[in-house]
Amino acid sequence: MTINEIQDEVIEEFAGFDDWMDKYQMLIDLGNDLETLPEQYKTEQNLIDGCQSRVWIHCEHRDGLLFFKAESDALIVKGIIALLIRVLSGHTPQEIIDTKLYFIDEIGLRDHLSPTRSNGLLAMVKQIRMYALAYNN
């Protein structure tokens, strides 16, 4: 599946909810379903600067693809990073670099986050793109 196909799938899933409380609940559920990040990856190096809550992102480069694992101590933030991982993990660095993450605006996420969470979202996206740049040959 391409990154854009996954983004479209996420948009469709969120379109089923009119109320933002239901969308927040979906984010919390996604966060709860996120695989726990092993303690060995909860390092200062993997900690995202710019997030109000603590967020760690670990990247593995295998067979030309990037795979992300992450964790946060805040439920909604954990759901947001779960969405980012779902959309971007398992793709080439170049695909990640070239992608416009339109699902964030399409589902209304940016409009319904506090300024600090919005900054955190940008910091998470930036870190994922930095990994992609670092591994891009």
C-alpha atoms as a PDB file:
ATOM      1  CA  MET A   1       0.000   0.000   0.000  1.00  0.00           C
ATOM      2  CA  THR A   2       1.305   3.477  -0.818  1.00  0.00           C
ATOM      3  CA  ILE A   3       1.573   6.222   1.786  1.00  0.00           C
ATOM      4  CA  ASN A   4      -1.274   8.122   0.113  1.00  0.00           C
ATOM      5  CA  GLU A   5      -3.505   5.036   0.083  1.00  0.00           C
ATOM      6  CA  ILE A   6      -2.917   4.649   3.824  1.00  0.00           C
ATOM      7  CA  GLN A   7      -3.631   8.364   4.377  1.00  0.00           C
ATOM      8  CA  ASP A   8      -6.900   7.986   2.449  1.00  0.00           C
ATOM      9  CA  GLU A   9      -7.812   4.985   4.609  1.00  0.00           C
ATOM     10  CA  VAL A  10      -7.195   7.023   7.801  1.00  0.00           C
ATOM     11  CA  ILE A  11      -9.312   9.902   6.441  1.00  0.00           C
ATOM     12  CA  GLU A  12     -12.140   7.495   5.669  1.00  0.00           C
ATOM     13  CA  GLU A  13     -12.008   5.972   9.171  1.00  0.00           C
ATOM     14  CA  PHE A  14     -12.148   9.391  10.845  1.00  0.00           C
ATOM     15  CA  ALA A  15     -14.950  10.550   8.509  1.00  0.00           C
ATOM     16  CA  GLY A  16     -17.236   8.095  10.284  1.00  0.00           C
ATOM     17  CA  PHE A  17     -17.259  10.364  13.362  1.00  0.00           C
ATOM     18  CA  ASP A  18     -18.950  13.766  13.537  1.00  0.00           C
ATOM     19  CA  ASP A  19     -18.100  14.501  17.153  1.00  0.00           C
ATOM     20  CA  TRP A  20     -14.507  15.312  18.062  1.00  0.00           C
ATOM     21  CA  MET A  21     -14.878  13.500  21.378  1.00  0.00           C
ATOM     22  CA  ASP A  22     -15.345  10.300  19.348  1.00  0.00           C
ATOM     23  CA  LYS A  23     -12.252  11.135  17.276  1.00  0.00           C
ATOM     24  CA  TYR A  24     -10.238  11.712  20.453  1.00  0.00           C
ATOM     25  CA  GLN A  25     -11.452   8.336  21.715  1.00  0.00           C
ATOM     26  CA  MET A  26     -10.296   6.754  18.461  1.00  0.00           C
ATOM     27  CA  LEU A  27      -6.861   8.340  18.949  1.00  0.00           C
ATOM     28  CA  ILE A  28      -6.712   6.998  22.498  1.00  0.00           C
ATOM     29  CA  ASP A  29      -7.684   3.526  21.247  1.00  0.00           C
ATOM     30  CA  LEU A  30      -4.963   3.691  18.561  1.00  0.00           C
ATOM     31  CA  GLY A  31      -2.455   4.690  21.223  1.00  0.00           C
ATOM     32  CA  ASN A  32      -3.526   1.828  23.472  1.00  0.00           C
ATOM     33  CA  ASP A  33      -3.043  -0.591  20.564  1.00  0.00           C
ATOM     34  CA  LEU A  34       0.473   0.707  19.854  1.00  0.00           C
ATOM     35  CA  GLU A  35       3.157  -1.854  20.554  1.00  0.00           C
ATOM     36  CA  THR A  36       5.134  -0.930  23.677  1.00  0.00           C
ATOM     37  CA  LEU A  37       8.545   0.521  22.915  1.00  0.00           C
ATOM     38  CA  PRO A  38      11.282  -1.590  24.531  1.00  0.00           C
ATOM     39  CA  GLU A  39      13.036   0.223  27.384  1.00  0.00           C
ATOM     40  CA  GLN A  40      16.380   0.093  25.548  1.00  0.00           C
ATOM     41  CA  TYR A  41      14.980   2.593  23.005  1.00  0.00           C
ATOM     42  CA  LYS A  42      13.679   5.074  25.589  1.00  0.00           C
ATOM     43  CA  THR A  43      16.861   7.108  25.430  1.00  0.00           C
ATOM     44  CA  GLU A  44      17.625  10.819  25.308  1.00  0.00           C
ATOM     45  CA  GLN A  45      18.683  10.332  21.677  1.00  0.00           C
ATOM     46  CA  ASN A  46      15.202   9.031  20.766  1.00  0.00           C
ATOM     47  CA  LEU A  47      13.332  11.631  22.845  1.00  0.00           C
ATOM     48  CA  ILE A  48      11.579  14.260  20.707  1.00  0.00           C
ATOM     49  CA  ASP A  49      12.372  17.897  21.461  1.00  0.00           C
ATOM     50  CA  GLY A  50       9.401  20.232  21.223  1.00  0.00           C
ATOM     51  CA  CYS A  51       6.797  17.917  22.706  1.00  0.00           C
ATOM     52  CA  GLN A  52       5.033  18.851  25.928  1.00  0.00           C
ATOM     53  CA  SER A  53       4.739  15.173  26.817  1.00  0.00           C
ATOM     54  CA  ARG A  54       7.538  12.666  26.505  1.00  0.00           C
ATOM     55  CA  VAL A  55       7.726  10.990  23.095  1.00  0.00           C
ATOM     56  CA  TRP A  56      10.372   8.553  21.911  1.00  0.00           C
ATOM     57  CA  ILE A  57      10.767   7.490  18.293  1.00  0.00           C
ATOM     58  CA  HIS A  58      13.065   4.657  17.258  1.00  0.00           C
ATOM     59  CA  CYS A  59      13.868   3.968  13.612  1.00  0.00           C
ATOM     60  CA  GLU A  60      15.203   0.794  12.028  1.00  0.00           C
ATOM     61  CA  HIS A  61      16.492   0.633   8.452  1.00  0.00           C
ATOM     62  CA  ARG A  62      15.931  -2.797   6.884  1.00  0.00           C
ATOM     63  CA  ASP A  63      16.039  -3.780   3.222  1.00  0.00           C
ATOM     64  CA  GLY A  64      15.874  -0.144   2.117  1.00  0.00           C
ATOM     65  CA  LEU A  65      12.764   0.580   4.196  1.00  0.00           C
ATOM     66  CA  LEU A  66      12.308   2.513   7.433  1.00  0.00           C
ATOM     67  CA  PHE A  67      10.372   1.018  10.323  1.00  0.00           C
ATOM     68  CA  PHE A  68       9.341   3.157  13.274  1.00  0.00           C
ATOM     69  CA  LYS A  69       8.455   2.307  16.838  1.00  0.00           C
ATOM     70  CA  ALA A  70       7.389   4.920  19.343  1.00  0.00           C
ATOM     71  CA  GLU A  71       5.916   5.571  22.737  1.00  0.00           C
ATOM     72  CA  SER A  72       4.484   8.506  24.638  1.00  0.00           C
ATOM     73  CA  ASP A  73       3.383   9.074  28.204  1.00  0.00           C
ATOM     74  CA  ALA A  74       0.256  10.941  26.997  1.00  0.00           C
ATOM     75  CA  LEU A  75      -2.692   8.976  25.585  1.00  0.00           C
ATOM     76  CA  ILE A  76      -3.718  11.297  22.739  1.00  0.00           C
ATOM     77  CA  VAL A  77      -0.101  11.905  21.732  1.00  0.00           C
ATOM     78  CA  LYS A  78       0.425   8.150  21.690  1.00  0.00           C
ATOM     79  CA  GLY A  79      -2.524   7.898  19.294  1.00  0.00           C
ATOM     80  CA  ILE A  80      -1.077  10.617  17.071  1.00  0.00           C
ATOM     81  CA  ILE A  81       2.295   8.884  16.848  1.00  0.00           C
ATOM     82  CA  ALA A  82       0.476   5.593  16.165  1.00  0.00           C
ATOM     83  CA  LEU A  83      -1.171   7.269  13.151  1.00  0.00           C
ATOM     84  CA  LEU A  84       2.159   8.627  11.910  1.00  0.00           C
ATOM     85  CA  ILE A  85       3.754   5.188  12.236  1.00  0.00           C
ATOM     86  CA  ARG A  86       0.834   3.557  10.435  1.00  0.00           C
ATOM     87  CA  VAL A  87       1.160   5.994   7.535  1.00  0.00           C
ATOM     88  CA  LEU A  88       4.960   6.193   7.222  1.00  0.00           C
ATOM     89  CA  SER A  89       6.502   2.987   8.587  1.00  0.00           C
ATOM     90  CA  GLY A  90       7.572   0.389   6.040  1.00  0.00           C
ATOM     91  CA  HIS A  91       8.371   2.837   3.244  1.00  0.00           C
ATOM     92  CA  THR A  92      11.592   4.042   1.643  1.00  0.00           C
ATOM     93  CA  PRO A  93      13.331   7.143   2.931  1.00  0.00           C
ATOM     94  CA  GLN A  94      12.630   8.906  -0.382  1.00  0.00           C
ATOM     95  CA  GLU A  95       8.898   8.115  -0.202  1.00  0.00           C
ATOM     96  CA  ILE A  96       8.783   9.593   3.307  1.00  0.00           C
ATOM     97  CA  ILE A  97      10.716  12.700   2.232  1.00  0.00           C
ATOM     98  CA  ASP A  98       8.457  13.245  -0.808  1.00  0.00           C
ATOM     99  CA  THR A  99       5.146  12.723   1.023  1.00  0.00           C
ATOM    100  CA  LYS A 100       2.786  15.534   1.895  1.00  0.00           C
ATOM    101  CA  LEU A 101       1.000  14.445   5.057  1.00  0.00           C
ATOM    102  CA  TYR A 102      -2.437  15.717   4.059  1.00  0.00           C
ATOM    103  CA  PHE A 103      -4.360  13.396   6.375  1.00  0.00           C
ATOM    104  CA  ILE A 104      -3.484  15.595   9.379  1.00  0.00           C
ATOM    105  CA  ASP A 105      -5.512  18.508   8.001  1.00  0.00           C
ATOM    106  CA  GLU A 106      -8.152  16.335   6.299  1.00  0.00           C
ATOM    107  CA  ILE A 107      -9.218  14.675   9.551  1.00  0.00           C
ATOM    108  CA  GLY A 108      -9.140  18.065  11.320  1.00  0.00           C
ATOM    109  CA  LEU A 109      -6.401  17.033  13.708  1.00  0.00           C
ATOM    110  CA  ARG A 110      -4.366  20.234  13.489  1.00  0.00           C
ATOM    111  CA  ASP A 111      -7.470  22.327  14.219  1.00  0.00           C
ATOM    112  CA  HIS A 112      -8.361  20.321  17.323  1.00  0.00           C
ATOM    113  CA  LEU A 113      -4.980  20.213  19.045  1.00  0.00           C
ATOM    114  CA  SER A 114      -3.746  22.682  21.604  1.00  0.00           C
ATOM    115  CA  PRO A 115      -0.831  24.842  20.398  1.00  0.00           C
ATOM    116  CA  THR A 116       1.641  22.774  22.436  1.00  0.00           C
ATOM    117  CA  ARG A 117       0.315  19.468  21.041  1.00  0.00           C
ATOM    118  CA  SER A 118       0.367  20.955  17.545  1.00  0.00           C
ATOM    119  CA  ASN A 119       4.034  21.874  18.051  1.00  0.00           C
ATOM    120  CA  GLY A 120       4.649  18.338  19.287  1.00  0.00           C
ATOM    121  CA  LEU A 121       3.019  16.891  16.167  1.00  0.00           C
ATOM    122  CA  LEU A 122       5.299  19.029  13.989  1.00  0.00           C
ATOM    123  CA  ALA A 123       8.307  17.881  16.035  1.00  0.00           C
ATOM    124  CA  MET A 124       7.347  14.211  15.552  1.00  0.00           C
ATOM    125  CA  VAL A 125       6.939  14.663  11.790  1.00  0.00           C
ATOM    126  CA  LYS A 126      10.241  16.546  11.638  1.00  0.00           C
ATOM    127  CA  GLN A 127      12.065  13.743  13.480  1.00  0.00           C
ATOM    128  CA  ILE A 128      10.653  11.074  11.170  1.00  0.00           C
ATOM    129  CA  ARG A 129      11.728  13.149   8.158  1.00  0.00           C
ATOM    130  CA  MET A 130      15.203  13.586   9.703  1.00  0.00           C
ATOM    131  CA  TYR A 131      15.533   9.798   9.943  1.00  0.00           C
ATOM    132  CA  ALA A 132      14.444   9.543   6.300  1.00  0.00           C
ATOM    133  CA  LEU A 133      17.034  12.138   5.262  1.00  0.00           C
ATOM    134  CA  ALA A 134      19.751  10.366   7.253  1.00  0.00           C
ATOM    135  CA  TYR A 135      19.013   6.988   5.636  1.00  0.00           C
ATOM    136  CA  ASN A 136      18.374   8.318   2.116  1.00  0.00           C
ATOM    137  CA  ASN A 137      21.145   7.144  -0.181  1.00  0.00           C
END
